[in-house]
Every structure is written in structure tokens, then in C-alpha cells.
Amino acid sequence: MISAHLVKRLQGTQGIFHLDVALEIPEGKLVTLYGPSGAGKTSILRMLSGLMPPDDGSIEVNGMSWFKGNDKLYVPSRKRNVAFVFQDFALFPHMTVLENLCFAMSQRDEKQAQELLDFVDLKGLQAVKPHSLSGGQQQRVALARALAQQPKILLLDEPLSALDFDLRKRMQHLLRKVHDRFGYTTLLVSHDPTEIMILSDFVYHIENGKIIAEGKAETLFENQNTILTTGTVLEITPNENGFAVHLKIQDSTLVIELSDEKGKALQIGDTIELGPRK
């Protein structure tokens, strides 16, 4: 369990603002921070990781205090065992893929590193350096390196934002696969409602340094007052009633239930006509 109250004076695009958030994140859950750029989401990850000190508040993880503003307690980043996957991947360019993973391990274990590379579908690339890899491959190396650390907490700062649509979809499924297998307590920063719907157990909606809404993704996005006309099919998932179909409508998403007959006739990318939301 992560229990954190984070207070920080930050410089935003519109000037100085004050971040003040309280987070309760159960162990083993994947929680998303959602909201506009400059709201303070990445700063929250940096404070939890120990890369940025809060001005005040507290951070407690599984009963252990990492930060207490009143007591001047501050556990440094190197002692927190938090893995951080940055937007720009932050791979070591002079190291091979395998060396990048081994560097993150407390004890070098090439066999375990190779197993992680196989898991993220990078078999055969262990001797390659990052500059020779595609963006999607670099992203998978960064993720595998984070897993090699065996962290208490996994922090993902918009890890898929630089990828194209098809690759982004594949990586979303890989992130879900990673979470289901390893079960690390994970915080994800994302602007993509569809990505959040696929991955998240819980969402905090943050604007201007404050939590303005929280809850399950389907509840938060269902409350958006968007007039629906047409939706693009992003995901088709079989369920006991037929199919759950994830649709993109402008900047929002919607999940609808369809019968077996209608669901089987759909493909990713199809457009569905919808009436306005009442």
C-alpha cells in the first residue's frame, strides 16, 4: 500500500501553482494519473521515486516511511527500489540491450535478463545497442530493464506517447500482460482514455495540482458530457453477453455491449453510428 500526501510548489506553463494531492494505492494495483499537461502528474511520480523532494506531506509504503515533512525524514531514491520508465526511455547508449538490463539488477544474472527479453519479444537482440532499435523496441528494452530491477513500485510516465497507433495498441496489451504476471504496484501517467480503460484498476483525474475526480475508469469517462455521433472501434473483447466493444469518440471512449452476431461482424477500425447521449 502506498499512502502519500504530496505538497509542492511547481512552475507550470501558466505560472506558479501548488500541488496538493492525497493518494491511496493498494499493493499490486495499476493506478493511472490522468489530466492535462502541466497538471503535476510527472512531478508526483518524481516525488514518489525520490527524484524530487516534496515541500511537505508524507510518503508511506507498506508501513515504511519514505518521507515526513515534519520530521525531516527523506529516504533517498537509491534506497526505495522504485523502477521508473521515462518518456524518452533513458537507455544507456554505450551499453548493449543485455548490459542495460544487467546494470539494473542487484546481482548480474544474464539468464534472467534473457528471460525478460524473451518475455517482451526481444529475443535475439541482446547484443544490439539502443540506437539500432526502433522506438517500439527501445520501449520494450526500457520496460524489461525496469522489471529486471524487481521493484516495489513501477512508475510509467506516458511510456507509449511516442509510438504510432498500431504499436501503441500492442504495447498496451504487453503492459497488461506484464502487470498480470508480475503484479507490481504500478502508477501510470497517461492522456489516452482508451489506454486507461484497458490498463487501469483505478484513476485519479488531476488538474492544476489537485485531484478533481477519482474512481474506476469506466465510471469517470462515462460521466463526460460528450454528444456521441460516430465511434471508431478500438477493441473487441468477448464476454458472457457477446462482446464488449471499446469505441473512440472525439477525445473520449465508450464501451458498449453487442450480441455475438453483431460483435463478430466488426473489425478494429470500423465506424459505428451512435445516437446522442441522453
Protein backbone atom coordinates (compact mmCIF):
# COMPACT_ATOMS: atom_id res chain seq x y z
CA MET A 1 0.00 0.00 0.00
CA ILE A 2 1.21 3.47 -0.91
CA SER A 3 -0.21 6.23 1.24
CA ALA A 4 1.03 9.64 0.17
CA HIS A 5 0.20 13.28 0.82
CA LEU A 6 2.31 15.38 -1.52
CA VAL A 7 2.65 19.16 -1.33
CA LYS A 8 4.88 21.00 -3.79
CA ARG A 9 5.21 24.47 -5.30
CA LEU A 10 5.65 23.98 -9.05
CA GLN A 11 6.28 26.08 -12.12
CA GLY A 12 3.67 25.43 -14.81
CA THR A 13 3.04 26.85 -18.27
CA GLN A 14 0.66 29.39 -16.73
CA GLY A 15 3.00 30.29 -13.86
CA ILE A 16 3.44 29.07 -10.29
CA PHE A 17 0.88 26.63 -8.90
CA HIS A 18 0.68 24.50 -5.77
CA LEU A 19 0.30 20.75 -5.99
CA ASP A 20 -1.54 19.21 -3.06
CA VAL A 21 -2.75 15.61 -3.51
CA ALA A 22 -3.51 12.63 -1.29
CA LEU A 23 -3.17 9.17 -2.85
CA GLU A 24 -4.08 5.72 -1.52
CA ILE A 25 -2.79 2.97 -3.80
CA PRO A 26 -3.36 -0.68 -2.80
CA GLU A 27 -0.49 -3.10 -3.25
CA GLY A 28 -0.44 -4.83 -6.63
CA LYS A 29 -2.85 -2.43 -8.36
CA LEU A 30 -2.29 -0.40 -11.53
CA VAL A 31 -3.37 3.18 -10.94
CA THR A 32 -3.38 5.94 -13.55
CA LEU A 33 -2.81 9.66 -13.15
CA TYR A 34 -4.86 11.41 -15.83
CA GLY A 35 -5.21 15.06 -16.74
CA PRO A 36 -3.84 17.88 -18.91
CA SER A 37 -0.15 18.57 -19.44
CA GLY A 38 1.33 20.63 -16.63
CA ALA A 39 -1.12 19.37 -14.01
CA GLY A 40 1.64 17.87 -11.85
CA LYS A 41 1.35 14.19 -12.80
CA THR A 42 5.02 13.60 -13.64
CA SER A 43 6.06 15.55 -10.54
CA ILE A 44 4.03 13.10 -8.45
CA LEU A 45 5.99 10.19 -9.94
CA ARG A 46 9.27 12.00 -9.32
CA MET A 47 8.39 12.64 -5.69
CA LEU A 48 7.38 9.01 -5.12
CA SER A 49 10.63 7.82 -6.73
CA GLY A 50 12.79 10.15 -4.66
CA LEU A 51 13.99 12.19 -7.64
CA MET A 52 12.18 15.30 -6.36
CA PRO A 53 11.59 16.17 -2.69
CA PRO A 54 8.09 17.35 -1.69
CA ASP A 55 7.84 20.62 0.18
CA ASP A 56 5.63 18.97 2.79
CA GLY A 57 3.45 15.95 3.40
CA SER A 58 4.31 12.28 3.78
CA ILE A 59 5.01 9.09 1.84
CA GLU A 60 4.47 5.67 3.41
CA VAL A 61 4.93 2.38 1.53
CA ASN A 62 3.85 -0.91 3.11
CA GLY A 63 4.14 0.63 6.57
CA MET A 64 7.60 2.15 5.99
CA SER A 65 8.03 5.92 5.93
CA TRP A 66 9.91 7.31 2.94
CA PHE A 67 9.17 10.96 3.62
CA LYS A 68 7.84 13.01 6.52
CA GLY A 69 7.84 16.75 6.11
CA ASN A 70 7.52 17.50 9.82
CA ASP A 71 10.27 15.08 10.86
CA LYS A 72 12.67 15.95 8.04
CA LEU A 73 12.71 12.26 7.07
CA TYR A 74 13.70 11.65 3.45
CA VAL A 75 14.70 8.21 2.13
CA PRO A 76 16.90 8.72 -0.97
CA SER A 77 15.95 7.32 -4.35
CA ARG A 78 18.62 4.59 -4.32
CA LYS A 79 17.03 3.02 -1.21
CA ARG A 80 13.42 3.00 -2.43
CA ASN A 81 13.65 0.24 -5.07
CA VAL A 82 11.37 2.10 -7.47
CA ALA A 83 11.67 1.49 -11.22
CA PHE A 84 10.92 4.48 -13.44
CA VAL A 85 10.21 4.15 -17.19
CA PHE A 86 10.65 7.63 -18.68
CA GLN A 87 9.03 9.06 -21.80
CA ASP A 88 12.39 9.14 -23.59
CA PHE A 89 13.28 5.60 -22.38
CA ALA A 90 16.65 6.81 -20.88
CA LEU A 91 18.60 3.76 -22.08
CA PHE A 92 22.38 3.77 -21.79
CA PRO A 93 23.55 4.29 -25.38
CA HIS A 94 27.03 2.80 -24.85
CA MET A 95 25.61 -0.46 -23.47
CA THR A 96 24.03 -3.36 -25.32
CA VAL A 97 20.44 -4.36 -24.64
CA LEU A 98 21.60 -7.14 -22.32
CA GLU A 99 24.01 -4.83 -20.50
CA ASN A 100 21.20 -2.30 -19.95
CA LEU A 101 19.18 -4.96 -18.16
CA CYS A 102 22.07 -6.37 -16.14
CA PHE A 103 23.02 -2.89 -14.95
CA ALA A 104 19.61 -2.60 -13.26
CA MET A 105 19.98 -5.86 -11.35
CA SER A 106 21.25 -6.02 -7.79
CA GLN A 107 23.26 -9.06 -8.91
CA ARG A 108 24.09 -9.66 -12.57
CA ASP A 109 22.06 -12.58 -13.93
CA GLU A 110 22.28 -12.88 -17.71
CA LYS A 111 19.91 -15.86 -17.77
CA GLN A 112 17.18 -13.91 -16.01
CA ALA A 113 17.84 -10.90 -18.25
CA GLN A 114 17.47 -13.07 -21.34
CA GLU A 115 14.20 -14.49 -20.00
CA LEU A 116 12.87 -10.95 -19.61
CA LEU A 117 13.93 -10.08 -23.16
CA ASP A 118 12.11 -13.16 -24.42
CA PHE A 119 9.04 -12.15 -22.41
CA VAL A 120 8.88 -8.72 -24.09
CA ASP A 121 9.53 -10.27 -27.53
CA LEU A 122 13.14 -9.08 -27.96
CA LYS A 123 14.76 -12.47 -28.41
CA GLY A 124 17.99 -12.26 -30.41
CA LEU A 125 18.60 -8.56 -29.77
CA GLN A 126 20.65 -8.87 -26.58
CA ALA A 127 23.91 -7.78 -28.26
CA VAL A 128 22.41 -4.75 -30.06
CA LYS A 129 22.87 -1.17 -28.84
CA PRO A 130 19.80 1.10 -28.40
CA HIS A 131 20.49 3.39 -31.39
CA SER A 132 19.96 0.40 -33.72
CA LEU A 133 16.49 -0.33 -32.37
CA SER A 134 13.10 1.02 -33.39
CA GLY A 135 11.11 3.18 -30.96
CA GLY A 136 8.91 0.24 -30.00
CA GLN A 137 11.91 -1.99 -29.37
CA GLN A 138 13.56 0.68 -27.23
CA GLN A 139 10.34 0.98 -25.26
CA ARG A 140 10.35 -2.76 -24.58
CA VAL A 141 14.00 -2.65 -23.50
CA ALA A 142 13.16 0.15 -21.06
CA LEU A 143 10.27 -1.89 -19.69
CA ALA A 144 12.38 -5.05 -19.40
CA ARG A 145 15.12 -3.09 -17.64
CA ALA A 146 12.58 -1.80 -15.12
CA LEU A 147 11.36 -5.36 -14.49
CA ALA A 148 14.96 -6.55 -14.05
CA GLN A 149 15.18 -4.28 -11.03
CA GLN A 150 12.38 -6.29 -9.31
CA PRO A 151 10.93 -3.07 -7.91
CA LYS A 152 8.47 -2.47 -5.12
CA ILE A 153 6.83 0.14 -7.32
CA LEU A 154 6.79 0.56 -11.10
CA LEU A 155 6.35 4.12 -12.42
CA LEU A 156 5.41 4.65 -16.07
CA ASP A 157 5.49 8.23 -17.36
CA GLU A 158 3.48 8.27 -20.61
CA PRO A 159 5.54 5.31 -21.83
CA LEU A 160 3.62 4.90 -25.10
CA SER A 161 3.15 8.54 -26.11
CA ALA A 162 5.80 8.47 -28.87
CA LEU A 163 4.50 5.31 -30.57
CA ASP A 164 2.17 5.06 -33.56
CA PHE A 165 -1.38 3.77 -33.15
CA ASP A 166 -0.81 0.10 -34.03
CA LEU A 167 2.36 -0.21 -31.96
CA ARG A 168 0.70 1.60 -29.09
CA LYS A 169 -2.12 -0.95 -29.08
CA ARG A 170 0.36 -3.85 -28.98
CA MET A 171 2.30 -2.21 -26.16
CA GLN A 172 -0.89 -1.64 -24.16
CA HIS A 173 -1.52 -5.38 -24.23
CA LEU A 174 2.10 -6.04 -23.26
CA LEU A 175 1.79 -3.69 -20.26
CA ARG A 176 -1.36 -5.51 -19.17
CA LYS A 177 0.44 -8.83 -19.61
CA VAL A 178 3.38 -7.55 -17.55
CA HIS A 179 1.10 -6.38 -14.76
CA ASP A 180 -0.86 -9.63 -14.69
CA ARG A 181 2.34 -11.69 -14.47
CA PHE A 182 4.47 -9.66 -12.06
CA GLY A 183 1.79 -7.83 -10.07
CA TYR A 184 3.92 -4.82 -9.17
CA THR A 185 2.20 -1.82 -7.67
CA THR A 186 2.17 0.45 -10.72
CA LEU A 187 1.49 4.13 -11.38
CA LEU A 188 0.90 5.16 -14.98
CA VAL A 189 0.70 8.69 -16.36
CA SER A 190 -1.46 8.78 -19.48
CA HIS A 191 -3.58 11.20 -21.53
CA ASP A 192 -5.23 8.39 -23.53
CA PRO A 193 -8.70 7.36 -22.24
CA THR A 194 -8.61 4.11 -24.22
CA GLU A 195 -5.24 3.18 -22.77
CA ILE A 196 -6.55 3.97 -19.30
CA MET A 197 -9.65 1.84 -19.84
CA ILE A 198 -7.55 -1.14 -20.93
CA LEU A 199 -4.92 -0.93 -18.21
CA SER A 200 -6.19 0.75 -15.06
CA ASP A 201 -7.68 -0.57 -11.86
CA PHE A 202 -8.26 2.99 -10.62
CA VAL A 203 -7.81 6.55 -11.91
CA TYR A 204 -7.01 9.91 -10.34
CA HIS A 205 -8.02 12.87 -12.54
CA ILE A 206 -5.65 15.74 -11.75
CA GLU A 207 -5.86 19.36 -12.85
CA ASN A 208 -3.72 22.27 -11.68
CA GLY A 209 -2.17 20.21 -8.89
CA LYS A 210 -5.46 18.98 -7.40
CA ILE A 211 -7.46 15.75 -7.64
CA ILE A 212 -10.78 16.73 -9.19
CA ALA A 213 -12.18 13.20 -9.58
CA GLU A 214 -11.23 9.62 -8.81
CA GLY A 215 -12.65 6.17 -9.40
CA LYS A 216 -12.71 3.35 -11.92
CA ALA A 217 -12.01 4.41 -15.49
CA GLU A 218 -15.37 3.38 -16.90
CA THR A 219 -17.15 5.46 -14.25
CA LEU A 220 -15.05 8.58 -14.77
CA PHE A 221 -15.27 8.60 -18.56
CA GLU A 222 -18.94 7.62 -18.56
CA ASN A 223 -19.66 10.90 -16.78
CA GLN A 224 -18.18 13.01 -19.58
CA ASN A 225 -20.94 15.03 -21.28
CA THR A 226 -19.95 14.17 -24.81
CA ILE A 227 -22.53 14.13 -27.61
CA LEU A 228 -21.94 10.90 -29.47
CA THR A 229 -22.46 10.62 -33.22
CA THR A 230 -19.98 8.03 -34.52
CA GLY A 231 -17.40 5.87 -32.80
CA THR A 232 -14.28 4.10 -34.09
CA VAL A 233 -13.77 0.53 -32.90
CA LEU A 234 -10.54 0.22 -30.89
CA GLU A 235 -11.03 -3.05 -29.04
CA ILE A 236 -13.37 -6.06 -29.31
CA THR A 237 -13.44 -8.37 -26.28
CA PRO A 238 -15.63 -11.48 -25.95
CA ASN A 239 -17.67 -11.73 -22.76
CA GLU A 240 -20.60 -13.72 -21.40
CA ASN A 241 -23.12 -11.44 -23.14
CA GLY A 242 -21.42 -11.39 -26.53
CA PHE A 243 -18.76 -8.72 -26.99
CA ALA A 244 -17.57 -5.60 -25.17
CA VAL A 245 -16.60 -3.05 -27.83
CA HIS A 246 -14.31 -0.11 -26.98
CA LEU A 247 -15.07 2.94 -29.11
CA LYS A 248 -13.20 6.21 -29.57
CA ILE A 249 -15.45 9.25 -29.88
CA GLN A 250 -13.56 12.51 -30.36
CA ASP A 251 -11.34 12.68 -27.22
CA SER A 252 -13.40 10.21 -25.20
CA THR A 253 -14.02 6.48 -25.10
CA LEU A 254 -17.11 4.38 -24.58
CA VAL A 255 -17.63 0.67 -24.01
CA ILE A 256 -20.81 -0.86 -25.43
CA GLU A 257 -22.20 -4.40 -25.32
CA LEU A 258 -23.06 -6.15 -28.59
CA SER A 259 -24.55 -9.54 -29.36
CA ASP A 260 -22.43 -12.37 -30.79
CA GLU A 261 -23.78 -11.74 -34.28
CA LYS A 262 -23.03 -8.01 -34.32
CA GLY A 263 -19.71 -8.32 -32.50
CA LYS A 264 -18.33 -10.96 -34.88
CA ALA A 265 -19.12 -8.71 -37.83
CA LEU A 266 -16.87 -5.91 -36.50
CA GLN A 267 -13.17 -5.28 -37.04
CA ILE A 268 -10.72 -2.88 -35.42
CA GLY A 269 -11.03 0.50 -37.16
CA ASP A 270 -14.69 0.10 -38.15
CA THR A 271 -17.04 3.04 -37.57
CA ILE A 272 -20.31 2.63 -35.68
CA GLU A 273 -23.16 5.13 -35.89
CA LEU A 274 -24.43 6.22 -32.48
CA GLY A 275 -27.22 8.44 -31.26
CA PRO A 276 -26.63 11.34 -28.84
CA ARG A 277 -26.14 10.57 -25.16
CA LYS A 278 -29.19 11.46 -23.10
